[in-house]
Amino acid sequence: MVHGDHNKSKNSGGFALIILGALMLIVGPQEAIIPQSLSIIVWIGGIIIGGTGFYLKFVRNRVKRQ
């Protein structure tokens, strides 16, 4: 098919993962919402999820183009 690449969806969900990771980093240190024992787990999860979203949104497309 000639236009197969043009018709593919380019939405990888990376932006949603970036937002979710940022929210986890904001909510993580607030002990009223999350107990202190889970705070570090939420921080690490936020960094991992946000980093994955950043990779899917920005880095992966630039590597493919080169």
PDB file of N, CA and C in Angstrom:
ATOM      1  N   MET A   1       0.838  -1.171   0.000  1.00  0.00           N
ATOM      2  CA  MET A   1       0.000   0.000   0.000  1.00  0.00           C
ATOM      3  C   MET A   1       0.890   1.243   0.000  1.00  0.00           C
ATOM      4  N   VAL A   2       0.609   2.173  -0.841  1.00  0.00           N
ATOM      5  CA  VAL A   2       1.454   3.340  -1.032  1.00  0.00           C
ATOM      6  C   VAL A   2       1.451   4.262   0.180  1.00  0.00           C
ATOM      7  N   HIS A   3       0.302   4.487   0.746  1.00  0.00           N
ATOM      8  CA  HIS A   3       0.191   5.434   1.854  1.00  0.00           C
ATOM      9  C   HIS A   3       0.102   4.738   3.210  1.00  0.00           C
ATOM     10  N   GLY A   4       0.662   3.573   3.323  1.00  0.00           N
ATOM     11  CA  GLY A   4       0.591   2.821   4.570  1.00  0.00           C
ATOM     12  C   GLY A   4       1.228   3.540   5.739  1.00  0.00           C
ATOM     13  N   ASP A   5       2.404   4.137   5.530  1.00  0.00           N
ATOM     14  CA  ASP A   5       3.072   4.861   6.611  1.00  0.00           C
ATOM     15  C   ASP A   5       2.333   6.140   6.969  1.00  0.00           C
ATOM     16  N   HIS A   6       1.726   6.757   5.994  1.00  0.00           N
ATOM     17  CA  HIS A   6       1.005   8.006   6.249  1.00  0.00           C
ATOM     18  C   HIS A   6      -0.245   7.769   7.099  1.00  0.00           C
ATOM     19  N   ASN A   7      -0.874   6.633   6.946  1.00  0.00           N
ATOM     20  CA  ASN A   7      -2.121   6.349   7.645  1.00  0.00           C
ATOM     21  C   ASN A   7      -1.922   5.762   9.035  1.00  0.00           C
ATOM     22  N   LYS A   8      -0.703   5.451   9.417  1.00  0.00           N
ATOM     23  CA  LYS A   8      -0.454   4.883  10.735  1.00  0.00           C
ATOM     24  C   LYS A   8      -0.654   5.936  11.816  1.00  0.00           C
ATOM     25  N   SER A   9      -1.165   5.499  12.951  1.00  0.00           N
ATOM     26  CA  SER A   9      -1.341   6.408  14.083  1.00  0.00           C
ATOM     27  C   SER A   9       0.016   6.672  14.732  1.00  0.00           C
ATOM     28  N   LYS A  10       0.322   7.930  14.971  1.00  0.00           N
ATOM     29  CA  LYS A  10       1.590   8.293  15.579  1.00  0.00           C
ATOM     30  C   LYS A  10       1.432   8.606  17.053  1.00  0.00           C
ATOM     31  N   ASN A  11       0.269   8.351  17.617  1.00  0.00           N
ATOM     32  CA  ASN A  11       0.020   8.619  19.020  1.00  0.00           C
ATOM     33  C   ASN A  11       0.513   7.433  19.842  1.00  0.00           C
ATOM     34  N   SER A  12       1.602   7.639  20.564  1.00  0.00           N
ATOM     35  CA  SER A  12       2.174   6.560  21.347  1.00  0.00           C
ATOM     36  C   SER A  12       1.741   6.606  22.802  1.00  0.00           C
ATOM     37  N   GLY A  13       1.025   7.643  23.209  1.00  0.00           N
ATOM     38  CA  GLY A  13       0.633   7.774  24.609  1.00  0.00           C
ATOM     39  C   GLY A  13       1.727   8.357  25.473  1.00  0.00           C
ATOM     40  N   GLY A  14       2.790   8.840  24.853  1.00  0.00           N
ATOM     41  CA  GLY A  14       3.920   9.377  25.601  1.00  0.00           C
ATOM     42  C   GLY A  14       3.570  10.606  26.417  1.00  0.00           C
ATOM     43  N   PHE A  15       2.719  11.467  25.853  1.00  0.00           N
ATOM     44  CA  PHE A  15       2.356  12.693  26.573  1.00  0.00           C
ATOM     45  C   PHE A  15       1.569  12.358  27.839  1.00  0.00           C
ATOM     46  N   ALA A  16       0.690  11.383  27.774  1.00  0.00           N
ATOM     47  CA  ALA A  16      -0.075  10.968  28.958  1.00  0.00           C
ATOM     48  C   ALA A  16       0.853  10.396  30.028  1.00  0.00           C
ATOM     49  N   LEU A  17       1.872   9.660  29.619  1.00  0.00           N
ATOM     50  CA  LEU A  17       2.822   9.117  30.591  1.00  0.00           C
ATOM     51  C   LEU A  17       3.653  10.221  31.241  1.00  0.00           C
ATOM     52  N   ILE A  18       4.003  11.247  30.482  1.00  0.00           N
ATOM     53  CA  ILE A  18       4.738  12.376  31.054  1.00  0.00           C
ATOM     54  C   ILE A  18       3.886  13.070  32.108  1.00  0.00           C
ATOM     55  N   ILE A  19       2.622  13.305  31.813  1.00  0.00           N
ATOM     56  CA  ILE A  19       1.710  13.948  32.764  1.00  0.00           C
ATOM     57  C   ILE A  19       1.530  13.083  34.006  1.00  0.00           C
ATOM     58  N   LEU A  20       1.340  11.789  33.829  1.00  0.00           N
ATOM     59  CA  LEU A  20       1.175  10.887  34.968  1.00  0.00           C
ATOM     60  C   LEU A  20       2.425  10.867  35.840  1.00  0.00           C
ATOM     61  N   GLY A  21       3.590  10.825  35.221  1.00  0.00           N
ATOM     62  CA  GLY A  21       4.837  10.845  35.994  1.00  0.00           C
ATOM     63  C   GLY A  21       5.006  12.137  36.760  1.00  0.00           C
ATOM     64  N   ALA A  22       4.640  13.269  36.144  1.00  0.00           N
ATOM     65  CA  ALA A  22       4.734  14.554  36.832  1.00  0.00           C
ATOM     66  C   ALA A  22       3.771  14.613  38.010  1.00  0.00           C
ATOM     67  N   LEU A  23       2.569  14.106  37.831  1.00  0.00           N
ATOM     68  CA  LEU A  23       1.622  14.079  38.947  1.00  0.00           C
ATOM     69  C   LEU A  23       2.119  13.212  40.092  1.00  0.00           C
ATOM     70  N   MET A  24       2.743  12.106  39.765  1.00  0.00           N
ATOM     71  CA  MET A  24       3.286  11.240  40.819  1.00  0.00           C
ATOM     72  C   MET A  24       4.414  11.946  41.568  1.00  0.00           C
ATOM     73  N   LEU A  25       5.230  12.718  40.854  1.00  0.00           N
ATOM     74  CA  LEU A  25       6.308  13.438  41.530  1.00  0.00           C
ATOM     75  C   LEU A  25       5.768  14.568  42.403  1.00  0.00           C
ATOM     76  N   ILE A  26       4.639  15.144  42.033  1.00  0.00           N
ATOM     77  CA  ILE A  26       4.037  16.204  42.842  1.00  0.00           C
ATOM     78  C   ILE A  26       3.345  15.612  44.070  1.00  0.00           C
ATOM     79  N   VAL A  27       2.629  14.518  43.896  1.00  0.00           N
ATOM     80  CA  VAL A  27       1.856  13.928  44.981  1.00  0.00           C
ATOM     81  C   VAL A  27       2.734  13.104  45.927  1.00  0.00           C
ATOM     82  N   GLY A  28       3.853  12.609  45.449  1.00  0.00           N
ATOM     83  CA  GLY A  28       4.706  11.714  46.234  1.00  0.00           C
ATOM     84  C   GLY A  28       5.095  12.221  47.610  1.00  0.00           C
ATOM     85  N   PRO A  29       5.592  13.443  47.751  1.00  0.00           N
ATOM     86  CA  PRO A  29       6.043  13.882  49.075  1.00  0.00           C
ATOM     87  C   PRO A  29       4.928  14.330  50.022  1.00  0.00           C
ATOM     88  N   GLN A  30       3.689  14.363  49.583  1.00  0.00           N
ATOM     89  CA  GLN A  30       2.599  14.815  50.441  1.00  0.00           C
ATOM     90  C   GLN A  30       2.089  13.653  51.283  1.00  0.00           C
ATOM     91  N   GLU A  31       2.393  13.695  52.562  1.00  0.00           N
ATOM     92  CA  GLU A  31       2.061  12.582  53.442  1.00  0.00           C
ATOM     93  C   GLU A  31       0.582  12.490  53.764  1.00  0.00           C
ATOM     94  N   ALA A  32      -0.184  13.542  53.504  1.00  0.00           N
ATOM     95  CA  ALA A  32      -1.620  13.485  53.754  1.00  0.00           C
ATOM     96  C   ALA A  32      -2.320  12.591  52.732  1.00  0.00           C
ATOM     97  N   ILE A  33      -1.738  12.463  51.544  1.00  0.00           N
ATOM     98  CA  ILE A  33      -2.353  11.659  50.486  1.00  0.00           C
ATOM     99  C   ILE A  33      -1.757  10.254  50.457  1.00  0.00           C
ATOM    100  N   ILE A  34      -0.444  10.177  50.564  1.00  0.00           N
ATOM    101  CA  ILE A  34       0.263   8.893  50.477  1.00  0.00           C
ATOM    102  C   ILE A  34       1.082   8.710  51.746  1.00  0.00           C
ATOM    103  N   PRO A  35       1.028   7.532  52.373  1.00  0.00           N
ATOM    104  CA  PRO A  35       1.853   7.308  53.563  1.00  0.00           C
ATOM    105  C   PRO A  35       3.343   7.471  53.256  1.00  0.00           C
ATOM    106  N   GLN A  36       4.107   7.827  54.278  1.00  0.00           N
ATOM    107  CA  GLN A  36       5.528   8.104  54.084  1.00  0.00           C
ATOM    108  C   GLN A  36       6.290   6.881  53.578  1.00  0.00           C
ATOM    109  N   SER A  37       5.847   5.691  53.945  1.00  0.00           N
ATOM    110  CA  SER A  37       6.549   4.486  53.501  1.00  0.00           C
ATOM    111  C   SER A  37       6.424   4.278  51.987  1.00  0.00           C
ATOM    112  N   LEU A  38       5.355   4.767  51.373  1.00  0.00           N
ATOM    113  CA  LEU A  38       5.175   4.615  49.930  1.00  0.00           C
ATOM    114  C   LEU A  38       5.723   5.800  49.144  1.00  0.00           C
ATOM    115  N   SER A  39       6.157   6.833  49.842  1.00  0.00           N
ATOM    116  CA  SER A  39       6.597   8.056  49.179  1.00  0.00           C
ATOM    117  C   SER A  39       7.754   7.812  48.223  1.00  0.00           C
ATOM    118  N   ILE A  40       8.731   7.046  48.641  1.00  0.00           N
ATOM    119  CA  ILE A  40       9.897   6.782  47.784  1.00  0.00           C
ATOM    120  C   ILE A  40       9.501   5.931  46.587  1.00  0.00           C
ATOM    121  N   ILE A  41       8.597   4.996  46.788  1.00  0.00           N
ATOM    122  CA  ILE A  41       8.142   4.155  45.683  1.00  0.00           C
ATOM    123  C   ILE A  41       7.408   5.005  44.651  1.00  0.00           C
ATOM    124  N   VAL A  42       6.600   5.965  45.109  1.00  0.00           N
ATOM    125  CA  VAL A  42       5.878   6.842  44.193  1.00  0.00           C
ATOM    126  C   VAL A  42       6.860   7.733  43.439  1.00  0.00           C
ATOM    127  N   TRP A  43       7.892   8.240  44.106  1.00  0.00           N
ATOM    128  CA  TRP A  43       8.911   9.060  43.439  1.00  0.00           C
ATOM    129  C   TRP A  43       9.612   8.269  42.339  1.00  0.00           C
ATOM    130  N   ILE A  44      10.055   7.081  42.671  1.00  0.00           N
ATOM    131  CA  ILE A  44      10.761   6.251  41.686  1.00  0.00           C
ATOM    132  C   ILE A  44       9.827   5.890  40.529  1.00  0.00           C
ATOM    133  N   GLY A  45       8.581   5.545  40.857  1.00  0.00           N
ATOM    134  CA  GLY A  45       7.606   5.245  39.806  1.00  0.00           C
ATOM    135  C   GLY A  45       7.340   6.439  38.907  1.00  0.00           C
ATOM    136  N   GLY A  46       7.268   7.634  39.490  1.00  0.00           N
ATOM    137  CA  GLY A  46       7.060   8.844  38.701  1.00  0.00           C
ATOM    138  C   GLY A  46       8.209   9.120  37.758  1.00  0.00           C
ATOM    139  N   ILE A  47       9.422   8.904  38.239  1.00  0.00           N
ATOM    140  CA  ILE A  47      10.593   9.111  37.384  1.00  0.00           C
ATOM    141  C   ILE A  47      10.621   8.094  36.245  1.00  0.00           C
ATOM    142  N   ILE A  48      10.319   6.848  36.552  1.00  0.00           N
ATOM    143  CA  ILE A  48      10.332   5.801  35.522  1.00  0.00           C
ATOM    144  C   ILE A  48       9.225   6.031  34.494  1.00  0.00           C
ATOM    145  N   ILE A  49       8.021   6.323  34.965  1.00  0.00           N
ATOM    146  CA  ILE A  49       6.902   6.525  34.048  1.00  0.00           C
ATOM    147  C   ILE A  49       7.109   7.788  33.210  1.00  0.00           C
ATOM    148  N   GLY A  50       7.553   8.877  33.839  1.00  0.00           N
ATOM    149  CA  GLY A  50       7.813  10.109  33.090  1.00  0.00           C
ATOM    150  C   GLY A  50       8.944   9.943  32.093  1.00  0.00           C
ATOM    151  N   GLY A  51       9.991   9.218  32.484  1.00  0.00           N
ATOM    152  CA  GLY A  51      11.103   8.964  31.567  1.00  0.00           C
ATOM    153  C   GLY A  51      10.686   8.111  30.383  1.00  0.00           C
ATOM    154  N   THR A  52       9.832   7.129  30.632  1.00  0.00           N
ATOM    155  CA  THR A  52       9.324   6.298  29.542  1.00  0.00           C
ATOM    156  C   THR A  52       8.477   7.129  28.583  1.00  0.00           C
ATOM    157  N   GLY A  53       7.642   7.997  29.141  1.00  0.00           N
ATOM    158  CA  GLY A  53       6.826   8.870  28.300  1.00  0.00           C
ATOM    159  C   GLY A  53       7.674   9.824  27.486  1.00  0.00           C
ATOM    160  N   PHE A  54       8.728  10.372  28.100  1.00  0.00           N
ATOM    161  CA  PHE A  54       9.631  11.274  27.386  1.00  0.00           C
ATOM    162  C   PHE A  54      10.316  10.540  26.239  1.00  0.00           C
ATOM    163  N   TYR A  55      10.735   9.301  26.493  1.00  0.00           N
ATOM    164  CA  TYR A  55      11.369   8.507  25.438  1.00  0.00           C
ATOM    165  C   TYR A  55      10.393   8.259  24.287  1.00  0.00           C
ATOM    166  N   LEU A  56       9.168   7.850  24.624  1.00  0.00           N
ATOM    167  CA  LEU A  56       8.190   7.559  23.574  1.00  0.00           C
ATOM    168  C   LEU A  56       7.796   8.796  22.784  1.00  0.00           C
ATOM    169  N   LYS A  57       7.731   9.949  23.450  1.00  0.00           N
ATOM    170  CA  LYS A  57       7.265  11.163  22.781  1.00  0.00           C
ATOM    171  C   LYS A  57       8.349  11.844  21.957  1.00  0.00           C
ATOM    172  N   PHE A  58       9.572  11.908  22.476  1.00  0.00           N
ATOM    173  CA  PHE A  58      10.593  12.727  21.836  1.00  0.00           C
ATOM    174  C   PHE A  58      11.791  11.943  21.297  1.00  0.00           C
ATOM    175  N   VAL A  59      12.357  11.071  22.079  1.00  0.00           N
ATOM    176  CA  VAL A  59      13.628  10.444  21.714  1.00  0.00           C
ATOM    177  C   VAL A  59      13.449   9.402  20.622  1.00  0.00           C
ATOM    178  N   ARG A  60      12.448   8.567  20.725  1.00  0.00           N
ATOM    179  CA  ARG A  60      12.283   7.469  19.771  1.00  0.00           C
ATOM    180  C   ARG A  60      12.086   7.983  18.352  1.00  0.00           C
ATOM    181  N   ASN A  61      11.321   9.045  18.179  1.00  0.00           N
ATOM    182  CA  ASN A  61      11.096   9.585  16.829  1.00  0.00           C
ATOM    183  C   ASN A  61      12.363  10.191  16.240  1.00  0.00           C
ATOM    184  N   ARG A  62      13.201  10.800  17.046  1.00  0.00           N
ATOM    185  CA  ARG A  62      14.440  11.386  16.527  1.00  0.00           C
ATOM    186  C   ARG A  62      15.436  10.314  16.143  1.00  0.00           C
ATOM    187  N   VAL A  63      15.465   9.217  16.867  1.00  0.00           N
ATOM    188  CA  VAL A  63      16.381   8.124  16.528  1.00  0.00           C
ATOM    189  C   VAL A  63      15.959   7.474  15.212  1.00  0.00           C
ATOM    190  N   LYS A  64      14.657   7.337  14.975  1.00  0.00           N
ATOM    191  CA  LYS A  64      14.163   6.731  13.738  1.00  0.00           C
ATOM    192  C   LYS A  64      14.509   7.581  12.514  1.00  0.00           C
ATOM    193  N   ARG A  65      14.466   8.904  12.667  1.00  0.00           N
ATOM    194  CA  ARG A  65      14.717   9.800  11.540  1.00  0.00           C
ATOM    195  C   ARG A  65      16.166   9.792  11.100  1.00  0.00           C
ATOM    196  N   GLN A  66      17.090   9.539  11.989  1.00  0.00           N
ATOM    197  CA  GLN A  66      18.517   9.612  11.642  1.00  0.00           C
ATOM    198  C   GLN A  66      19.026   8.380  10.989  1.00  0.00           C
TER     199      GLN A  66
END
